[in-house]
Protein backbone atom coordinates (compact mmCIF):
# COMPACT_ATOMS: atom_id res chain seq x y z
CA MET A 1 -44.55 80.65 36.15
CA ARG A 2 -45.13 77.05 38.10
CA LEU A 3 -48.80 76.26 39.69
CA THR A 4 -49.55 73.50 41.28
CA GLN A 5 -53.36 71.98 40.62
CA ALA A 6 -54.77 73.93 43.94
CA GLN A 7 -53.29 76.90 43.10
CA LEU A 8 -55.23 76.95 40.13
CA GLU A 9 -58.48 77.98 40.49
CA PRO A 10 -57.76 81.44 42.82
CA HIS A 11 -55.41 81.74 39.93
CA LEU A 12 -58.14 81.94 37.37
CA LYS A 13 -60.47 83.85 39.45
CA GLN A 14 -57.92 87.18 38.75
CA GLY A 15 -58.05 86.82 35.11
CA LEU A 16 -56.63 83.88 32.50
CA GLN A 17 -53.27 84.35 31.36
CA PRO A 18 -52.12 84.33 27.73
CA ILE A 19 -50.49 80.02 28.21
CA TYR A 20 -51.00 77.36 29.97
CA VAL A 21 -48.99 74.28 29.56
CA LEU A 22 -50.45 70.87 31.59
CA VAL A 23 -47.17 68.62 31.81
CA GLY A 24 -48.45 65.10 32.78
CA ASP A 25 -50.25 61.62 32.58
CA GLU A 26 -52.46 61.62 35.29
CA PRO A 27 -56.01 61.83 33.52
CA LEU A 28 -57.95 62.87 36.42
CA ALA A 29 -55.45 65.94 37.34
CA GLN A 30 -55.86 66.51 33.56
CA ARG A 31 -59.62 66.73 33.19
CA GLU A 32 -59.92 68.74 35.70
CA CYS A 33 -57.18 71.28 35.21
CA LEU A 34 -58.97 71.55 31.78
CA ASP A 35 -62.56 71.98 32.97
CA ALA A 36 -61.50 74.45 35.39
CA ILE A 37 -59.58 76.37 32.79
CA ARG A 38 -63.15 75.88 30.46
CA VAL A 39 -65.34 77.03 33.38
CA ALA A 40 -63.08 80.10 34.16
CA ALA A 41 -62.46 81.22 30.29
CA THR A 42 -66.65 81.12 29.46
CA THR A 43 -67.07 83.08 32.70
CA GLN A 44 -64.54 85.79 31.42
CA GLY A 45 -66.36 85.51 27.93
CA PHE A 46 -64.16 83.49 26.09
CA ASP A 47 -67.13 81.94 24.27
CA GLU A 48 -65.66 80.32 21.82
CA ARG A 49 -62.97 77.46 22.21
CA THR A 50 -60.89 75.31 19.27
CA SER A 51 -58.93 72.02 19.68
CA LEU A 52 -55.83 71.16 17.86
CA ILE A 53 -54.34 67.41 17.99
CA VAL A 54 -50.48 67.18 16.61
CA GLU A 55 -50.33 64.42 15.36
CA ARG A 56 -46.91 63.08 12.42
CA SER A 57 -48.58 65.21 9.67
CA PHE A 58 -49.72 68.45 11.75
CA ASN A 59 -48.98 71.49 10.31
CA TRP A 60 -48.12 74.17 12.28
CA GLN A 61 -48.89 77.12 10.13
CA GLN A 62 -52.74 76.37 11.42
CA VAL A 63 -50.78 78.04 14.77
CA GLN A 64 -50.37 81.31 13.48
CA ASN A 65 -53.37 80.91 11.04
CA PHE A 66 -55.10 81.18 13.97
CA GLY A 67 -53.80 83.93 15.53
CA GLN A 68 -54.15 85.71 12.29
CA SER A 69 -57.89 85.06 11.48
CA ILE A 70 -60.98 87.29 13.10
CA SER A 71 -63.60 84.91 15.11
CA LEU A 72 -67.38 85.26 13.77
CA PHE A 73 -68.86 84.70 17.01
CA SER A 74 -66.69 85.61 20.05
CA SER A 75 -64.08 88.72 20.40
CA ARG A 76 -61.69 86.14 22.98
CA ARG A 77 -60.64 82.73 21.89
CA LEU A 78 -59.60 79.79 23.79
CA LEU A 79 -57.15 77.41 22.08
CA GLU A 80 -56.41 73.95 22.91
CA LEU A 81 -53.05 72.36 21.76
CA ASN A 82 -52.52 68.66 22.59
CA ILE A 83 -49.29 66.96 21.75
CA PRO A 84 -50.02 63.59 22.99
CA ASN A 85 -46.34 61.86 22.44
CA GLY A 86 -44.85 65.21 23.56
CA LYS A 87 -42.91 65.81 20.45
CA PRO A 88 -43.32 68.40 18.30
CA GLY A 89 -40.41 68.21 16.47
CA VAL A 90 -38.52 70.86 14.78
CA GLU A 91 -40.86 73.00 13.43
CA GLY A 92 -43.64 72.33 16.45
CA ALA A 93 -40.66 73.98 18.91
CA LYS A 94 -39.87 77.38 16.75
CA ALA A 95 -43.45 77.58 16.50
CA LEU A 96 -44.33 77.30 20.56
CA GLN A 97 -41.53 79.21 21.43
CA ALA A 98 -42.81 82.11 19.11
CA LEU A 99 -46.09 81.25 21.13
CA ALA A 100 -44.92 81.86 24.02
CA THR A 101 -42.88 84.66 23.47
CA LYS A 102 -45.09 86.61 21.46
CA THR A 103 -49.06 85.75 22.46
CA LEU A 104 -51.68 85.51 20.08
CA PRO A 105 -54.28 88.13 20.57
CA ASP A 106 -57.66 87.82 22.03
CA THR A 107 -56.41 84.11 23.04
CA SER A 108 -55.73 82.07 26.11
CA VAL A 109 -54.46 78.99 24.87
CA ILE A 110 -53.77 75.39 26.76
CA ILE A 111 -50.68 73.61 25.90
CA ILE A 112 -51.34 69.66 26.64
CA LEU A 113 -48.35 67.75 27.11
CA PRO A 114 -47.68 63.78 28.68
CA THR A 115 -45.01 62.97 31.36
CA LEU A 116 -41.72 64.05 29.60
CA GLU A 117 -38.67 62.41 28.76
CA ARG A 118 -35.54 64.24 29.60
CA ASP A 119 -34.45 65.49 26.35
CA ALA A 120 -37.38 67.19 26.47
CA LYS A 121 -37.65 68.71 29.67
CA ASN A 122 -33.73 70.28 28.59
CA SER A 123 -35.02 71.74 25.46
CA ALA A 124 -34.93 75.04 24.30
CA TRP A 125 -38.73 74.81 23.57
CA PHE A 126 -39.88 73.71 26.86
CA SER A 127 -37.20 75.84 28.86
CA THR A 128 -39.25 79.20 26.93
CA LEU A 129 -42.17 78.00 28.01
CA GLU A 130 -41.44 77.48 31.72
CA SER A 131 -40.06 80.89 31.66
CA HIS A 132 -43.01 82.98 29.80
CA THR A 133 -46.00 80.79 30.74
CA GLN A 134 -47.85 79.36 33.77
CA VAL A 135 -46.95 75.56 33.75
CA ILE A 136 -49.27 73.15 36.14
CA THR A 137 -47.55 69.66 36.61
CA LEU A 138 -50.10 67.23 36.37
CA SER A 139 -48.82 65.28 39.06
CA GLU A 140 -49.33 61.64 40.67
CA VAL A 141 -50.21 60.45 43.90
CA ASP A 142 -48.86 57.78 45.65
CA ALA A 143 -49.73 55.10 47.39
CA THR A 144 -49.11 56.77 50.89
CA ASN A 145 -50.58 59.92 50.68
CA LEU A 146 -53.63 58.20 48.47
CA PRO A 147 -55.88 57.76 52.09
CA LYS A 148 -54.80 61.62 52.59
CA TRP A 149 -56.12 62.76 49.09
CA ILE A 150 -59.43 60.56 49.06
CA ALA A 151 -60.30 61.97 53.07
CA ASN A 152 -59.96 65.55 51.08
CA ARG A 153 -62.39 64.59 48.58
CA LEU A 154 -64.94 63.14 50.94
CA ALA A 155 -64.80 65.90 53.24
CA GLN A 156 -65.29 68.77 49.82
CA GLN A 157 -68.94 66.84 49.77
CA GLY A 158 -69.02 66.78 53.75
CA GLN A 159 -68.36 63.74 54.23
CA HIS A 160 -65.79 61.55 56.55
CA THR A 161 -64.31 58.29 57.73
CA SER A 162 -62.24 56.26 59.89
CA ILE A 163 -58.43 56.00 58.77
CA GLN A 164 -58.87 51.94 58.33
CA THR A 165 -61.78 52.76 55.72
CA LEU A 166 -59.70 55.15 53.71
CA GLU A 167 -57.02 52.52 53.97
CA PHE A 168 -59.46 49.91 51.79
CA LEU A 169 -60.61 52.33 49.76
CA ALA A 170 -57.19 53.19 48.75
CA HIS A 171 -56.06 49.66 48.33
CA GLN A 172 -59.32 48.87 46.24
CA VAL A 173 -58.95 51.62 43.44
CA GLU A 174 -54.91 50.36 43.43
CA GLY A 175 -53.59 54.40 42.96
CA ASN A 176 -56.11 54.81 40.43
CA LEU A 177 -57.47 58.60 40.73
CA LEU A 178 -60.15 58.58 38.87
CA ALA A 179 -61.16 55.05 40.00
CA ALA A 180 -60.68 57.05 43.56
CA ASN A 181 -62.70 59.63 42.28
CA GLN A 182 -65.27 58.01 40.55
CA GLU A 183 -65.68 55.87 44.24
CA VAL A 184 -65.84 59.25 46.27
CA GLN A 185 -68.52 60.70 43.89
CA LYS A 186 -70.45 57.49 44.55
CA LEU A 187 -70.57 57.71 48.11
CA SER A 188 -72.40 61.43 47.98
CA LEU A 189 -75.14 60.31 45.73
CA LEU A 190 -75.96 57.14 47.88
CA TYR A 191 -75.38 58.81 51.60
CA PRO A 192 -75.90 61.96 53.29
CA GLN A 193 -73.45 64.19 54.22
CA GLY A 194 -71.57 63.16 57.53
CA GLU A 195 -69.41 60.36 58.89
CA LEU A 196 -70.07 57.09 56.91
CA SER A 197 -69.12 53.64 58.85
CA ASP A 198 -67.30 51.33 57.15
CA GLU A 199 -69.82 48.71 57.10
CA VAL A 200 -71.45 51.15 54.45
CA VAL A 201 -68.25 52.16 52.18
CA ARG A 202 -67.52 48.80 52.08
CA GLU A 203 -71.08 47.47 50.59
CA ALA A 204 -71.23 50.43 48.04
CA VAL A 205 -67.40 49.81 47.05
CA LEU A 206 -68.10 46.34 46.70
CA ASN A 207 -71.28 46.08 45.08
CA VAL A 208 -69.68 47.38 41.15
CA SER A 209 -71.48 46.23 38.09
CA ARG A 210 -70.40 43.35 36.72
CA TYR A 211 -67.87 44.65 34.31
CA ASP A 212 -65.73 47.47 34.49
CA PRO A 213 -62.83 49.39 31.95
CA PHE A 214 -60.27 48.60 34.57
CA GLN A 215 -61.15 44.86 34.41
CA LEU A 216 -60.80 45.33 30.34
CA GLY A 217 -57.47 46.92 31.13
CA GLU A 218 -56.45 43.08 32.99
CA ALA A 219 -57.68 41.17 29.76
CA VAL A 220 -55.69 43.18 27.03
CA LEU A 221 -52.75 43.37 29.65
CA ALA A 222 -52.88 39.27 29.72
CA GLY A 223 -53.45 38.84 26.44
CA ASP A 224 -57.02 36.83 27.15
CA ALA A 225 -58.63 37.50 24.00
CA GLU A 226 -62.06 36.08 24.85
CA ARG A 227 -62.42 37.58 28.19
CA THR A 228 -61.65 40.61 26.15
CA VAL A 229 -63.96 40.41 23.97
CA ARG A 230 -66.68 39.30 26.91
CA ILE A 231 -65.83 42.37 28.78
CA LEU A 232 -66.14 44.49 25.96
CA GLN A 233 -69.52 43.39 25.05
CA GLY A 234 -70.98 43.38 28.88
CA LEU A 235 -69.67 46.99 29.15
CA GLN A 236 -71.80 47.98 25.99
CA ASP A 237 -74.34 46.30 26.62
CA GLU A 238 -74.81 47.59 30.75
CA GLY A 239 -74.46 51.45 28.44
CA GLU A 240 -70.92 52.12 28.90
CA THR A 241 -69.98 55.25 27.29
CA ALA A 242 -66.74 54.69 24.76
CA VAL A 243 -64.76 57.75 26.76
CA ALA A 244 -64.95 56.40 30.12
CA VAL A 245 -64.12 53.01 28.99
CA MET A 246 -60.89 54.67 26.82
CA ASN A 247 -59.60 56.50 29.37
CA PRO A 248 -58.46 53.49 31.59
CA LEU A 249 -57.12 52.08 28.57
CA MET A 250 -54.66 55.15 28.49
CA TRP A 251 -54.24 55.22 32.34
CA VAL A 252 -52.80 51.36 32.21
CA LEU A 253 -51.17 52.13 28.22
CA ARG A 254 -49.33 54.65 29.22
CA PRO A 255 -47.04 53.38 32.18
CA LEU A 256 -46.26 50.55 29.98
CA VAL A 257 -44.52 52.84 27.57
CA ARG A 258 -42.61 54.25 29.80
CA ILE A 259 -41.46 51.09 31.58
CA LYS A 260 -40.76 48.97 28.19
CA GLN A 261 -38.58 52.58 27.52
CA ALA A 262 -36.82 51.78 30.55
CA GLU A 263 -36.65 48.21 29.41
CA MET A 264 -34.87 49.07 26.26
CA ARG A 265 -32.57 51.28 27.49
CA GLY A 266 -30.80 48.67 29.82
CA ALA A 267 -32.69 49.79 33.33
CA ASN A 268 -33.96 47.11 36.47
CA LEU A 269 -37.18 46.52 35.37
CA THR A 270 -38.98 46.51 39.03
CA ALA A 271 -37.24 49.49 39.63
CA ALA A 272 -39.30 50.57 36.05
CA MET A 273 -42.47 50.00 37.56
CA THR A 274 -42.10 50.66 40.76
CA ASN A 275 -41.44 54.13 39.28
CA ALA A 276 -44.83 53.55 37.03
CA ARG A 277 -46.67 53.17 40.62
CA ILE A 278 -46.64 49.27 38.97
CA TYR A 279 -47.17 47.25 42.44
CA GLY A 280 -48.41 43.33 43.96
CA ASP A 281 -49.53 41.19 41.15
CA LYS A 282 -50.10 44.00 38.06
CA GLN A 283 -46.16 43.35 37.97
CA ALA A 284 -46.34 40.30 36.88
CA LEU A 285 -49.19 40.42 34.44
CA VAL A 286 -47.14 43.89 32.94
CA LYS A 287 -44.30 41.57 32.31
CA ARG A 288 -45.84 39.36 30.43
CA ALA A 289 -47.22 42.46 28.65
CA LEU A 290 -44.28 43.26 28.03
CA THR A 291 -42.66 40.12 26.29
CA ARG A 292 -46.13 40.49 23.57
CA LEU A 293 -46.13 43.87 23.00
CA SER A 294 -43.38 45.93 21.23
CA LEU A 295 -42.83 50.01 21.93
CA ARG A 296 -43.66 50.39 18.31
CA GLN A 297 -47.38 48.48 19.21
CA LEU A 298 -47.46 50.59 22.75
CA ASP A 299 -47.17 53.88 20.91
CA ALA A 300 -49.65 53.09 18.17
CA ALA A 301 -51.94 51.83 20.58
CA LEU A 302 -51.83 55.68 22.44
CA GLN A 303 -51.93 57.22 19.17
CA LYS A 304 -54.98 55.14 18.04
CA LEU A 305 -56.66 56.32 21.61
CA VAL A 306 -56.48 59.83 20.31
CA ASP A 307 -58.36 59.27 17.34
CA ILE A 308 -61.14 57.52 19.20
CA ASP A 309 -61.47 60.41 21.65
CA LYS A 310 -62.15 62.81 18.48
CA MET A 311 -64.24 60.04 17.20
CA ALA A 312 -66.40 59.81 20.86
CA LYS A 313 -66.37 63.86 20.86
CA GLY A 314 -67.69 64.00 16.95
CA VAL A 315 -64.38 65.67 15.96
CA MET A 316 -63.42 63.37 13.73
CA LEU A 317 -65.72 60.55 11.45
CA GLY A 318 -65.88 56.90 12.56
CA ASP A 319 -67.88 54.50 15.22
CA ALA A 320 -65.11 54.94 19.05
CA TRP A 321 -66.97 52.24 20.47
CA LEU A 322 -66.21 49.72 17.22
CA GLU A 323 -62.69 51.08 16.77
CA ILE A 324 -61.59 50.72 20.98
CA SER A 325 -63.42 46.85 20.37
CA ARG A 326 -60.86 46.60 17.15
CA LEU A 327 -57.81 48.25 19.36
CA CYS A 328 -58.22 45.32 22.29
CA PHE A 329 -59.05 42.67 20.63
CA GLY A 330 -55.45 43.38 18.34
CA LEU A 331 -53.35 44.09 21.60
CA ALA A 332 -55.15 40.76 23.51
CA LYS A 333 -54.40 38.35 20.50
CA VAL A 334 -50.75 39.79 20.10
CA ARG A 335 -48.89 36.76 21.05
CA SER A 336 -45.36 36.76 23.07
CA ARG A 337 -42.55 36.64 20.51
């Protein structure tokens, strides 16, 4: 069964289903869907949550072992299974099909997938998931609909503004829903409910910190190692968290992988960038990055961000900020081939 993000919350009130599959690269939608399921799980007595990240050396027997184990602390459990590259492999495909057709007792499972390539979409394992689970596609919002999306978010917090101001906000965030959501939340903290004038919105949006994580992504793409180091230090000095820096980096690198794959297939580069929602001046920035960075380097960078996420959450040993710094500096200093 397919659900939209809007349908998820009322669906959850009817009780958690055995398996949910989140598919897509949109980070805000993924975070909000995960949060909604987690809150519903806690409310409905799922007191234990386990996260597994599928990497090259992942042992799929862990999933079966989890189902057979008995929790000492909770009778109902939530299992999150994150497959960052969307490729479970032969053993993983079998395990996912078995999981979909014979669910784990007293367990609700969330399977997290990126935007899938055509082969994965047409695979037997994904077809089985589509037939037996609740699939939520994490859709991006195109530039035309972004002002309306921002208006709806403002309305949820009792605020509204003019069409012109909504278009200004949409232009400022350049299609990035994480950034758009941050700006909307900032307006709720700064101003009471009611109408927001163009002047107060512009003042709030343009009065930002000297450094922000999106500037870091641009410096990395541009291959400006000196600016990359300066922004990293500034973000740390301003007290930014590793997770807040990592998410925009993921948002920058994921489309780059898709564009690089399209380029290697011989597809039109401009069309590939448009499909990845890269517009205007950013296209020149991305083109320069593509001449410097190989697909192998980009894939490795995304995998490293998965590890950094685990460090930031205390699941893996390591200094998340140090690893972010090493990753960004390493990508920025790669020279054109």
